PDB file of N, CA and C in Angstrom:
ATOM      1  N   MET A   1     -13.960  13.860  11.048  1.00  0.00           N
ATOM      2  CA  MET A   1     -13.969  15.295  10.822  1.00  0.00           C
ATOM      3  C   MET A   1     -12.619  15.917  11.142  1.00  0.00           C
ATOM      4  N   GLN A   2     -12.188  16.815  10.309  1.00  0.00           N
ATOM      5  CA  GLN A   2     -11.004  17.596  10.594  1.00  0.00           C
ATOM      6  C   GLN A   2     -11.468  18.945  11.164  1.00  0.00           C
ATOM      7  N   VAL A   3     -10.612  19.510  12.013  1.00  0.00           N
ATOM      8  CA  VAL A   3     -10.908  20.830  12.574  1.00  0.00           C
ATOM      9  C   VAL A   3      -9.770  21.771  12.192  1.00  0.00           C
ATOM     10  N   CYS A   4     -10.098  22.884  11.621  1.00  0.00           N
ATOM     11  CA  CYS A   4      -9.115  23.882  11.225  1.00  0.00           C
ATOM     12  C   CYS A   4      -8.600  24.594  12.471  1.00  0.00           C
ATOM     13  N   SER A   5      -7.276  24.683  12.629  1.00  0.00           N
ATOM     14  CA  SER A   5      -6.687  25.346  13.790  1.00  0.00           C
ATOM     15  C   SER A   5      -6.767  26.869  13.679  1.00  0.00           C
ATOM     16  N   LYS A   6      -7.032  27.381  12.498  1.00  0.00           N
ATOM     17  CA  LYS A   6      -7.122  28.833  12.325  1.00  0.00           C
ATOM     18  C   LYS A   6      -8.496  29.394  12.617  1.00  0.00           C
ATOM     19  N   CYS A   7      -9.556  28.681  12.203  1.00  0.00           N
ATOM     20  CA  CYS A   7     -10.906  29.237  12.369  1.00  0.00           C
ATOM     21  C   CYS A   7     -11.844  28.286  13.111  1.00  0.00           C
ATOM     22  N   ASN A   8     -11.364  27.110  13.499  1.00  0.00           N
ATOM     23  CA  ASN A   8     -12.149  26.094  14.215  1.00  0.00           C
ATOM     24  C   ASN A   8     -13.333  25.545  13.437  1.00  0.00           C
ATOM     25  N   SER A   9     -13.263  25.624  12.126  1.00  0.00           N
ATOM     26  CA  SER A   9     -14.325  25.036  11.283  1.00  0.00           C
ATOM     27  C   SER A   9     -14.115  23.529  11.157  1.00  0.00           C
ATOM     28  N   ASN A  10     -15.211  22.806  11.076  1.00  0.00           N
ATOM     29  CA  ASN A  10     -15.145  21.342  10.830  1.00  0.00           C
ATOM     30  C   ASN A  10     -15.293  21.093   9.339  1.00  0.00           C
ATOM     31  N   THR A  11     -14.591  20.072   8.862  1.00  0.00           N
ATOM     32  CA  THR A  11     -14.698  19.685   7.459  1.00  0.00           C
ATOM     33  C   THR A  11     -14.484  18.182   7.342  1.00  0.00           C
ATOM     34  N   ASN A  12     -14.886  17.626   6.245  1.00  0.00           N
ATOM     35  CA  ASN A  12     -14.725  16.183   6.020  1.00  0.00           C
ATOM     36  C   ASN A  12     -13.264  15.796   5.966  1.00  0.00           C
ATOM     37  N   ASP A  13     -12.986  14.534   6.252  1.00  0.00           N
ATOM     38  CA  ASP A  13     -11.633  14.018   6.257  1.00  0.00           C
ATOM     39  C   ASP A  13     -10.945  14.113   4.891  1.00  0.00           C
ATOM     40  N   ASP A  14     -11.715  14.076   3.820  1.00  0.00           N
ATOM     41  CA  ASP A  14     -11.111  14.053   2.494  1.00  0.00           C
ATOM     42  C   ASP A  14     -10.840  15.448   1.911  1.00  0.00           C
ATOM     43  N   GLU A  15     -11.155  16.490   2.647  1.00  0.00           N
ATOM     44  CA  GLU A  15     -10.906  17.861   2.204  1.00  0.00           C
ATOM     45  C   GLU A  15      -9.459  18.269   2.516  1.00  0.00           C
ATOM     46  N   SER A  16      -8.845  19.015   1.636  1.00  0.00           N
ATOM     47  CA  SER A  16      -7.476  19.502   1.865  1.00  0.00           C
ATOM     48  C   SER A  16      -7.431  20.968   2.229  1.00  0.00           C
ATOM     49  N   LEU A  17      -8.531  21.701   1.986  1.00  0.00           N
ATOM     50  CA  LEU A  17      -8.606  23.104   2.339  1.00  0.00           C
ATOM     51  C   LEU A  17      -9.815  23.344   3.242  1.00  0.00           C
ATOM     52  N   CYS A  18      -9.642  24.231   4.194  1.00  0.00           N
ATOM     53  CA  CYS A  18     -10.742  24.603   5.063  1.00  0.00           C
ATOM     54  C   CYS A  18     -11.803  25.340   4.224  1.00  0.00           C
ATOM     55  N   PRO A  19     -13.051  24.936   4.286  1.00  0.00           N
ATOM     56  CA  PRO A  19     -14.102  25.595   3.501  1.00  0.00           C
ATOM     57  C   PRO A  19     -14.372  27.028   3.971  1.00  0.00           C
ATOM     58  N   ASN A  20     -14.008  27.348   5.202  1.00  0.00           N
ATOM     59  CA  ASN A  20     -14.282  28.675   5.730  1.00  0.00           C
ATOM     60  C   ASN A  20     -13.156  29.681   5.463  1.00  0.00           C
ATOM     61  N   CYS A  21     -11.914  29.321   5.819  1.00  0.00           N
ATOM     62  CA  CYS A  21     -10.794  30.273   5.700  1.00  0.00           C
ATOM     63  C   CYS A  21      -9.771  29.879   4.626  1.00  0.00           C
ATOM     64  N   HIS A  22      -9.984  28.719   3.998  1.00  0.00           N
ATOM     65  CA  HIS A  22      -9.149  28.192   2.927  1.00  0.00           C
ATOM     66  C   HIS A  22      -7.736  27.860   3.361  1.00  0.00           C
ATOM     67  N   ALA A  23      -7.541  27.607   4.666  1.00  0.00           N
ATOM     68  CA  ALA A  23      -6.222  27.184   5.156  1.00  0.00           C
ATOM     69  C   ALA A  23      -5.916  25.797   4.656  1.00  0.00           C
ATOM     70  N   ASP A  24      -4.662  25.514   4.422  1.00  0.00           N
ATOM     71  CA  ASP A  24      -4.185  24.197   4.014  1.00  0.00           C
ATOM     72  C   ASP A  24      -4.275  23.248   5.224  1.00  0.00           C
ATOM     73  N   LEU A  25      -5.194  22.299   5.180  1.00  0.00           N
ATOM     74  CA  LEU A  25      -5.413  21.408   6.324  1.00  0.00           C
ATOM     75  C   LEU A  25      -4.292  20.408   6.542  1.00  0.00           C
ATOM     76  N   THR A  26      -3.419  20.234   5.553  1.00  0.00           N
ATOM     77  CA  THR A  26      -2.257  19.377   5.774  1.00  0.00           C
ATOM     78  C   THR A  26      -1.274  20.039   6.743  1.00  0.00           C
ATOM     79  N   LYS A  27      -1.401  21.364   6.898  1.00  0.00           N
ATOM     80  CA  LYS A  27      -0.543  22.120   7.829  1.00  0.00           C
ATOM     81  C   LYS A  27      -1.306  22.657   9.018  1.00  0.00           C
ATOM     82  N   TYR A  28      -2.585  23.006   8.807  1.00  0.00           N
ATOM     83  CA  TYR A  28      -3.331  23.746   9.805  1.00  0.00           C
ATOM     84  C   TYR A  28      -4.522  23.034  10.425  1.00  0.00           C
ATOM     85  N   SER A  29      -4.679  21.722  10.166  1.00  0.00           N
ATOM     86  CA  SER A  29      -5.717  20.999  10.917  1.00  0.00           C
ATOM     87  C   SER A  29      -5.189  20.822  12.331  1.00  0.00           C
ATOM     88  N   MET A  30      -6.077  20.613  13.271  1.00  0.00           N
ATOM     89  CA  MET A  30      -5.665  20.426  14.658  1.00  0.00           C
ATOM     90  C   MET A  30      -4.693  19.248  14.776  1.00  0.00           C
ATOM     91  N   SER A  31      -4.938  18.168  14.061  1.00  0.00           N
ATOM     92  CA  SER A  31      -4.059  17.011  14.153  1.00  0.00           C
ATOM     93  C   SER A  31      -2.692  17.310  13.551  1.00  0.00           C
ATOM     94  N   ALA A  32      -2.616  18.078  12.449  1.00  0.00           N
ATOM     95  CA  ALA A  32      -1.340  18.430  11.844  1.00  0.00           C
ATOM     96  C   ALA A  32      -0.526  19.324  12.769  1.00  0.00           C
ATOM     97  N   VAL A  33      -1.180  20.277  13.403  1.00  0.00           N
ATOM     98  CA  VAL A  33      -0.495  21.144  14.360  1.00  0.00           C
ATOM     99  C   VAL A  33      -0.020  20.360  15.571  1.00  0.00           C
ATOM    100  N   SER A  34      -0.834  19.430  16.030  1.00  0.00           N
ATOM    101  CA  SER A  34      -0.467  18.596  17.165  1.00  0.00           C
ATOM    102  C   SER A  34       0.768  17.751  16.810  1.00  0.00           C
ATOM    103  N   LEU A  35       0.761  17.147  15.656  1.00  0.00           N
ATOM    104  CA  LEU A  35       1.879  16.320  15.249  1.00  0.00           C
ATOM    105  C   LEU A  35       3.156  17.152  15.125  1.00  0.00           C
ATOM    106  N   ALA A  36       3.069  18.326  14.527  1.00  0.00           N
ATOM    107  CA  ALA A  36       4.260  19.195  14.393  1.00  0.00           C
ATOM    108  C   ALA A  36       4.820  19.586  15.755  1.00  0.00           C
ATOM    109  N   THR A  37       3.920  19.862  16.700  1.00  0.00           N
ATOM    110  CA  THR A  37       4.337  20.212  18.056  1.00  0.00           C
ATOM    111  C   THR A  37       5.029  19.056  18.730  1.00  0.00           C
ATOM    112  N   LEU A  38       4.484  17.862  18.603  1.00  0.00           N
ATOM    113  CA  LEU A  38       5.107  16.675  19.206  1.00  0.00           C
ATOM    114  C   LEU A  38       6.478  16.397  18.590  1.00  0.00           C
ATOM    115  N   LYS A  39       6.572  16.528  17.276  1.00  0.00           N
ATOM    116  CA  LYS A  39       7.852  16.276  16.587  1.00  0.00           C
ATOM    117  C   LYS A  39       8.920  17.276  17.014  1.00  0.00           C
ATOM    118  N   ALA A  40       8.534  18.504  17.284  1.00  0.00           N
ATOM    119  CA  ALA A  40       9.477  19.562  17.647  1.00  0.00           C
ATOM    120  C   ALA A  40       9.919  19.464  19.103  1.00  0.00           C
ATOM    121  N   ASN A  41       9.220  18.726  19.917  1.00  0.00           N
ATOM    122  CA  ASN A  41       9.527  18.654  21.351  1.00  0.00           C
ATOM    123  C   ASN A  41      10.661  17.654  21.577  1.00  0.00           C
ATOM    124  N   PRO A  42      11.793  18.105  22.088  1.00  0.00           N
ATOM    125  CA  PRO A  42      12.927  17.174  22.299  1.00  0.00           C
ATOM    126  C   PRO A  42      12.678  16.131  23.382  1.00  0.00           C
ATOM    127  N   ARG A  43      11.695  16.355  24.235  1.00  0.00           N
ATOM    128  CA  ARG A  43      11.382  15.348  25.271  1.00  0.00           C
ATOM    129  C   ARG A  43      10.539  14.195  24.751  1.00  0.00           C
ATOM    130  N   VAL A  44       9.973  14.364  23.559  1.00  0.00           N
ATOM    131  CA  VAL A  44       9.153  13.303  22.967  1.00  0.00           C
ATOM    132  C   VAL A  44      10.077  12.351  22.210  1.00  0.00           C
ATOM    133  N   LYS A  45      10.103  11.112  22.659  1.00  0.00           N
ATOM    134  CA  LYS A  45      10.946  10.061  22.078  1.00  0.00           C
ATOM    135  C   LYS A  45      10.306   9.445  20.845  1.00  0.00           C
ATOM    136  N   ALA A  46       8.977   9.196  20.952  1.00  0.00           N
ATOM    137  CA  ALA A  46       8.220   8.550  19.868  1.00  0.00           C
ATOM    138  C   ALA A  46       6.791   9.031  20.010  1.00  0.00           C
ATOM    139  N   ILE A  47       5.958   8.638  19.040  1.00  0.00           N
ATOM    140  CA  ILE A  47       4.553   9.045  19.057  1.00  0.00           C
ATOM    141  C   ILE A  47       3.664   7.819  18.850  1.00  0.00           C
ATOM    142  N   THR A  48       2.697   7.678  19.729  1.00  0.00           N
ATOM    143  CA  THR A  48       1.753   6.582  19.616  1.00  0.00           C
ATOM    144  C   THR A  48       0.491   7.053  18.902  1.00  0.00           C
ATOM    145  N   LEU A  49       0.065   6.262  17.946  1.00  0.00           N
ATOM    146  CA  LEU A  49      -1.226   6.493  17.279  1.00  0.00           C
ATOM    147  C   LEU A  49      -2.253   5.620  17.996  1.00  0.00           C
ATOM    148  N   SER A  50      -3.162   6.267  18.682  1.00  0.00           N
ATOM    149  CA  SER A  50      -4.180   5.536  19.451  1.00  0.00           C
ATOM    150  C   SER A  50      -5.526   5.597  18.735  1.00  0.00           C
ATOM    151  N   VAL A  51      -6.244   4.495  18.785  1.00  0.00           N
ATOM    152  CA  VAL A  51      -7.570   4.388  18.207  1.00  0.00           C
ATOM    153  C   VAL A  51      -8.547   3.821  19.226  1.00  0.00           C
ATOM    154  N   SER A  52      -9.813   4.105  18.988  1.00  0.00           N
ATOM    155  CA  SER A  52     -10.845   3.617  19.919  1.00  0.00           C
ATOM    156  C   SER A  52     -11.125   2.129  19.671  1.00  0.00           C
ATOM    157  N   ASN A  53     -11.826   1.503  20.606  1.00  0.00           N
ATOM    158  CA  ASN A  53     -12.211   0.090  20.444  1.00  0.00           C
ATOM    159  C   ASN A  53     -13.159  -0.097  19.261  1.00  0.00           C
ATOM    160  N   THR A  54     -13.874   0.941  18.905  1.00  0.00           N
ATOM    161  CA  THR A  54     -14.856   0.835  17.823  1.00  0.00           C
ATOM    162  C   THR A  54     -14.304   1.379  16.487  1.00  0.00           C
ATOM    163  N   ALA A  55     -13.004   1.607  16.415  1.00  0.00           N
ATOM    164  CA  ALA A  55     -12.402   2.149  15.183  1.00  0.00           C
ATOM    165  C   ALA A  55     -12.547   1.185  14.042  1.00  0.00           C
ATOM    166  N   CYS A  56     -12.471   1.730  12.825  1.00  0.00           N
ATOM    167  CA  CYS A  56     -12.578   0.896  11.631  1.00  0.00           C
ATOM    168  C   CYS A  56     -11.326   0.011  11.513  1.00  0.00           C
ATOM    169  N   PRO A  57     -11.402  -1.027  10.707  1.00  0.00           N
ATOM    170  CA  PRO A  57     -10.247  -1.939  10.522  1.00  0.00           C
ATOM    171  C   PRO A  57      -8.989  -1.247  10.036  1.00  0.00           C
ATOM    172  N   THR A  58      -9.139  -0.258   9.155  1.00  0.00           N
ATOM    173  CA  THR A  58      -7.966   0.455   8.639  1.00  0.00           C
ATOM    174  C   THR A  58      -7.236   1.169   9.770  1.00  0.00           C
ATOM    175  N   CYS A  59      -7.969   1.894  10.615  1.00  0.00           N
ATOM    176  CA  CYS A  59      -7.346   2.600  11.735  1.00  0.00           C
ATOM    177  C   CYS A  59      -6.754   1.630  12.741  1.00  0.00           C
ATOM    178  N   LYS A  60      -7.461   0.546  13.030  1.00  0.00           N
ATOM    179  CA  LYS A  60      -6.927  -0.462  13.974  1.00  0.00           C
ATOM    180  C   LYS A  60      -5.607  -1.048  13.490  1.00  0.00           C
ATOM    181  N   SER A  61      -5.492  -1.197  12.175  1.00  0.00           N
ATOM    182  CA  SER A  61      -4.245  -1.754  11.642  1.00  0.00           C
ATOM    183  C   SER A  61      -3.080  -0.792  11.745  1.00  0.00           C
ATOM    184  N   MET A  62      -3.367   0.499  11.915  1.00  0.00           N
ATOM    185  CA  MET A  62      -2.305   1.516  12.009  1.00  0.00           C
ATOM    186  C   MET A  62      -1.925   1.849  13.453  1.00  0.00           C
ATOM    187  N   GLN A  63      -2.706   1.328  14.406  1.00  0.00           N
ATOM    188  CA  GLN A  63      -2.426   1.640  15.808  1.00  0.00           C
ATOM    189  C   GLN A  63      -1.048   1.142  16.196  1.00  0.00           C
ATOM    190  N   GLY A  64      -0.327   1.944  16.959  1.00  0.00           N
ATOM    191  CA  GLY A  64       0.991   1.552  17.392  1.00  0.00           C
ATOM    192  C   GLY A  64       1.854   2.764  17.734  1.00  0.00           C
ATOM    193  N   THR A  65       3.105   2.475  18.081  1.00  0.00           N
ATOM    194  CA  THR A  65       4.047   3.504  18.406  1.00  0.00           C
ATOM    195  C   THR A  65       5.078   3.644  17.286  1.00  0.00           C
ATOM    196  N   TYR A  66       5.331   4.876  16.889  1.00  0.00           N
ATOM    197  CA  TYR A  66       6.183   5.149  15.724  1.00  0.00           C
ATOM    198  C   TYR A  66       7.328   6.106  16.110  1.00  0.00           C
ATOM    199  N   GLU A  67       8.455   5.965  15.429  1.00  0.00           N
ATOM    200  CA  GLU A  67       9.483   6.985  15.524  1.00  0.00           C
ATOM    201  C   GLU A  67       8.897   8.276  14.916  1.00  0.00           C
ATOM    202  N   LYS A  68       9.385   9.409  15.360  1.00  0.00           N
ATOM    203  CA  LYS A  68       8.819  10.690  14.927  1.00  0.00           C
ATOM    204  C   LYS A  68       8.747  10.831  13.401  1.00  0.00           C
ATOM    205  N   GLU A  69       9.751  10.338  12.728  1.00  0.00           N
ATOM    206  CA  GLU A  69       9.803  10.486  11.272  1.00  0.00           C
ATOM    207  C   GLU A  69       8.811   9.628  10.500  1.00  0.00           C
ATOM    208  N   PHE A  70       8.250   8.623  11.175  1.00  0.00           N
ATOM    209  CA  PHE A  70       7.420   7.643  10.473  1.00  0.00           C
ATOM    210  C   PHE A  70       5.965   7.604  10.951  1.00  0.00           C
ATOM    211  N   VAL A  71       5.513   8.635  11.657  1.00  0.00           N
ATOM    212  CA  VAL A  71       4.146   8.675  12.191  1.00  0.00           C
ATOM    213  C   VAL A  71       3.182   8.870  11.029  1.00  0.00           C
ATOM    214  N   PRO A  72       2.118   8.046  10.947  1.00  0.00           N
ATOM    215  CA  PRO A  72       1.096   8.268   9.921  1.00  0.00           C
ATOM    216  C   PRO A  72       0.376   9.606  10.116  1.00  0.00           C
ATOM    217  N   ILE A  73       0.009  10.193   9.024  1.00  0.00           N
ATOM    218  CA  ILE A  73      -0.722  11.482   9.059  1.00  0.00           C
ATOM    219  C   ILE A  73      -2.208  11.207   9.314  1.00  0.00           C
ATOM    220  N   LEU A  74      -2.790  12.033  10.170  1.00  0.00           N
ATOM    221  CA  LEU A  74      -4.235  11.958  10.413  1.00  0.00           C
ATOM    222  C   LEU A  74      -4.957  12.971   9.552  1.00  0.00           C
ATOM    223  N   PRO A  75      -6.107  12.660   9.061  1.00  0.00           N
ATOM    224  CA  PRO A  75      -6.869  11.410   9.226  1.00  0.00           C
ATOM    225  C   PRO A  75      -6.237  10.289   8.416  1.00  0.00           C
ATOM    226  N   ILE A  76      -6.402   9.063   8.935  1.00  0.00           N
ATOM    227  CA  ILE A  76      -5.819   7.884   8.272  1.00  0.00           C
ATOM    228  C   ILE A  76      -6.500   7.713   6.922  1.00  0.00           C
ATOM    229  N   HIS A  77      -5.672   7.595   5.878  1.00  0.00           N
ATOM    230  CA  HIS A  77      -6.190   7.379   4.530  1.00  0.00           C
ATOM    231  C   HIS A  77      -6.922   6.007   4.493  1.00  0.00           C
ATOM    232  N   GLY A  78      -8.136   6.023   4.042  1.00  0.00           N
ATOM    233  CA  GLY A  78      -8.928   4.800   3.964  1.00  0.00           C
ATOM    234  C   GLY A  78      -9.811   4.567   5.152  1.00  0.00           C
ATOM    235  N   CYS A  79      -9.808   5.482   6.112  1.00  0.00           N
ATOM    236  CA  CYS A  79     -10.695   5.364   7.298  1.00  0.00           C
ATOM    237  C   CYS A  79     -12.137   5.316   6.830  1.00  0.00           C
ATOM    238  N   SER A  80     -12.916   4.402   7.418  1.00  0.00           N
ATOM    239  CA  SER A  80     -14.308   4.254   7.023  1.00  0.00           C
ATOM    240  C   SER A  80     -15.279   4.620   8.163  1.00  0.00           C
ATOM    241  N   GLU A  81     -14.804   5.342   9.160  1.00  0.00           N
ATOM    242  CA  GLU A  81     -15.703   5.781  10.234  1.00  0.00           C
ATOM    243  C   GLU A  81     -16.731   6.726   9.673  1.00  0.00           C
ATOM    244  N   PRO A  82     -18.004   6.532   9.989  1.00  0.00           N
ATOM    245  CA  PRO A  82     -19.061   7.392   9.438  1.00  0.00           C
ATOM    246  C   PRO A  82     -18.903   8.881   9.716  1.00  0.00           C
ATOM    247  N   LEU A  83     -18.375   9.223  10.870  1.00  0.00           N
ATOM    248  CA  LEU A  83     -18.196  10.640  11.248  1.00  0.00           C
ATOM    249  C   LEU A  83     -16.762  11.099  11.071  1.00  0.00           C
ATOM    250  N   GLY A  84     -15.922  10.288  10.461  1.00  0.00           N
ATOM    251  CA  GLY A  84     -14.539  10.662  10.238  1.00  0.00           C
ATOM    252  C   GLY A  84     -13.590   9.981  11.222  1.00  0.00           C
ATOM    253  N   CYS A  85     -12.342  10.065  10.893  1.00  0.00           N
ATOM    254  CA  CYS A  85     -11.293   9.407  11.682  1.00  0.00           C
ATOM    255  C   CYS A  85     -11.222  10.002  13.102  1.00  0.00           C
ATOM    256  N   THR A  86     -11.174   9.158  14.088  1.00  0.00           N
ATOM    257  CA  THR A  86     -11.107   9.567  15.484  1.00  0.00           C
ATOM    258  C   THR A  86      -9.780   9.212  16.133  1.00  0.00           C
ATOM    259  N   SER A  87      -8.823   8.784  15.337  1.00  0.00           N
ATOM    260  CA  SER A  87      -7.490   8.445  15.852  1.00  0.00           C
ATOM    261  C   SER A  87      -6.824   9.682  16.424  1.00  0.00           C
ATOM    262  N   VAL A  88      -5.955   9.493  17.422  1.00  0.00           N
ATOM    263  CA  VAL A  88      -5.251  10.610  18.062  1.00  0.00           C
ATOM    264  C   VAL A  88      -3.789  10.276  18.287  1.00  0.00           C
ATOM    265  N   TYR A  89      -2.997  11.316  18.412  1.00  0.00           N
ATOM    266  CA  TYR A  89      -1.559  11.178  18.745  1.00  0.00           C
ATOM    267  C   TYR A  89      -1.357  11.285  20.229  1.00  0.00           C
ATOM    268  N   GLN A  90      -0.410  10.450  20.755  1.00  0.00           N
ATOM    269  CA  GLN A  90      -0.025  10.553  22.136  1.00  0.00           C
ATOM    270  C   GLN A  90       1.500  10.466  22.201  1.00  0.00           C
ATOM    271  N   PRO A  91       2.140  11.340  22.983  1.00  0.00           N
ATOM    272  CA  PRO A  91       3.590  11.328  23.083  1.00  0.00           C
ATOM    273  C   PRO A  91       4.109  10.189  23.952  1.00  0.00           C
ATOM    274  N   VAL A  92       5.285   9.692  23.565  1.00  0.00           N
ATOM    275  CA  VAL A  92       6.072   8.811  24.422  1.00  0.00           C
ATOM    276  C   VAL A  92       7.243   9.644  24.874  1.00  0.00           C
ATOM    277  N   LEU A  93       7.305   9.951  26.151  1.00  0.00           N
ATOM    278  CA  LEU A  93       8.304  10.887  26.666  1.00  0.00           C
ATOM    279  C   LEU A  93       9.578  10.206  27.118  1.00  0.00           C
ATOM    280  N   LEU A  94      10.701  10.923  26.956  1.00  0.00           N
ATOM    281  CA  LEU A  94      11.987  10.467  27.456  1.00  0.00           C
ATOM    282  C   LEU A  94      12.028  10.577  28.982  1.00  0.00           C
ATOM    283  N   GLU A  95      11.464  11.641  29.472  1.00  0.00           N
ATOM    284  CA  GLU A  95      11.378  11.852  30.913  1.00  0.00           C
ATOM    285  C   GLU A  95      10.084  12.576  31.235  1.00  0.00           C
ATOM    286  N   ILE A  96       9.548  12.323  32.394  1.00  0.00           N
ATOM    287  CA  ILE A  96       8.280  12.939  32.758  1.00  0.00           C
ATOM    288  C   ILE A  96       8.509  14.268  33.487  1.00  0.00           C
ATOM    289  N   PHE A  97       9.487  14.268  34.376  1.00  0.00           N
ATOM    290  CA  PHE A  97       9.810  15.488  35.125  1.00  0.00           C
ATOM    291  C   PHE A  97      11.239  15.877  34.850  1.00  0.00           C
ATOM    292  N   PRO A  98      11.511  17.220  34.858  1.00  0.00           N
ATOM    293  CA  PRO A  98      12.900  17.678  34.630  1.00  0.00           C
ATOM    294  C   PRO A  98      13.818  17.317  35.776  1.00  0.00           C
TER     295      PRO A  98
END
């Protein structure tokens, strides 16, 4: 499931527009906003795509750490999870404390 960051509506992974407010989910899904925030943060060196132990084979094959420019977009294309992609982004920081 995707969650719209503008109205908090849930929608299927294959939808590109929020059914409630018609926001473009490629820009305004919670995962898209999260990725944009991580990419903009100068303290973030890279981004890890984390998946659960019960993730589908497609998502498991995408798990790993990526340079900011090469991070896969969520939801993972081809994900076969019954309730939608559950993969998440995690930052790899250059420094933890200033």
